[in-house]
Amino acid sequence: MTAERKKEAREKFLLGGIVVKAGLSTADRAFLLGGLIELARMTPGSAEHRRLSDIGEDAFRAPSLDPVSPPIGEDAA
């Protein structure tokens, strides 16, 4: 395996781990892709970009997310 292919494989592995950490491993692929496309359209440095970055940084510091918890901003029933 070439160095470039190893680098690509590692990047995909790491990105897959982010999906799992977010509790989205069973989410519909079209939903995930749509969400990522929307995120890619976001202006870097905007208030929403900073807000989401802060959430992500907190999640990386946490041992794991609880996928059965309600989404952020929704109350538990």
Protein backbone atom coordinates (compact mmCIF):
# COMPACT_ATOMS: atom_id res chain seq x y z
CA MET A 1 0.00 0.00 0.00
CA THR A 2 1.41 3.38 -0.95
CA ALA A 3 1.92 6.13 1.59
CA GLU A 4 -0.85 8.18 -0.05
CA ARG A 5 -3.34 5.29 0.19
CA LYS A 6 -2.40 4.71 3.83
CA LYS A 7 -2.98 8.40 4.54
CA GLU A 8 -6.41 8.28 2.82
CA ALA A 9 -7.38 5.11 4.69
CA ARG A 10 -6.42 6.65 8.03
CA GLU A 11 -8.39 9.81 7.26
CA LYS A 12 -11.50 7.77 6.42
CA PHE A 13 -11.07 5.72 9.58
CA LEU A 14 -10.82 8.88 11.71
CA LEU A 15 -13.87 10.44 10.04
CA GLY A 16 -15.85 7.25 10.62
CA GLY A 17 -14.89 7.44 14.29
CA ILE A 18 -16.36 10.93 14.47
CA VAL A 19 -19.67 9.62 13.11
CA VAL A 20 -19.67 6.88 15.76
CA LYS A 21 -18.72 9.30 18.56
CA ALA A 22 -21.62 11.55 17.56
CA GLY A 23 -24.01 8.58 17.92
CA LEU A 24 -24.84 8.60 14.20
CA SER A 25 -23.54 5.18 13.13
CA THR A 26 -27.07 3.97 12.35
CA ALA A 27 -28.27 7.22 10.76
CA ASP A 28 -29.40 7.28 7.14
CA ARG A 29 -26.45 7.97 4.81
CA ALA A 30 -28.39 10.58 2.82
CA PHE A 31 -29.21 12.40 6.06
CA LEU A 32 -25.54 12.38 7.08
CA LEU A 33 -24.38 13.60 3.68
CA GLY A 34 -27.02 16.34 3.63
CA GLY A 35 -25.94 17.52 7.06
CA LEU A 36 -22.29 17.55 6.06
CA ILE A 37 -23.07 19.50 2.89
CA GLU A 38 -24.92 22.09 4.97
CA LEU A 39 -21.96 22.31 7.34
CA ALA A 40 -19.58 22.79 4.40
CA ARG A 41 -21.66 25.79 3.30
CA MET A 42 -21.31 27.44 6.70
CA THR A 43 -19.14 30.53 6.89
CA PRO A 44 -15.99 29.80 8.92
CA GLY A 45 -15.84 32.05 11.95
CA SER A 46 -19.58 32.76 11.97
CA ALA A 47 -21.44 32.56 15.27
CA GLU A 48 -23.03 29.24 14.26
CA HIS A 49 -19.66 27.85 13.15
CA ARG A 50 -18.11 28.80 16.50
CA ARG A 51 -21.09 27.36 18.42
CA LEU A 52 -20.81 24.01 16.64
CA SER A 53 -17.02 23.97 17.03
CA ASP A 54 -17.42 24.49 20.76
CA ILE A 55 -19.86 21.57 20.96
CA GLY A 56 -17.42 19.40 19.02
CA GLU A 57 -14.45 20.36 21.17
CA ASP A 58 -16.44 19.50 24.31
CA ALA A 59 -17.41 16.15 22.76
CA PHE A 60 -13.79 15.29 21.95
CA ARG A 61 -12.87 15.93 25.58
CA ALA A 62 -15.76 13.76 26.84
CA PRO A 63 -15.25 9.99 27.08
CA SER A 64 -18.25 9.35 24.82
CA LEU A 65 -21.64 10.73 23.89
CA ASP A 66 -24.79 8.97 25.04
CA PRO A 67 -26.68 8.28 21.79
CA VAL A 68 -29.95 7.76 23.70
CA SER A 69 -29.94 11.28 25.12
CA PRO A 70 -32.30 13.75 23.47
CA PRO A 71 -30.73 16.03 20.87
CA ILE A 72 -29.28 19.28 22.16
CA GLY A 73 -32.03 21.80 22.79
CA GLU A 74 -34.79 19.20 23.24
CA ASP A 75 -36.15 18.26 26.63
CA ALA A 76 -36.43 14.68 27.73
CA ALA A 77 -40.00 13.40 27.81
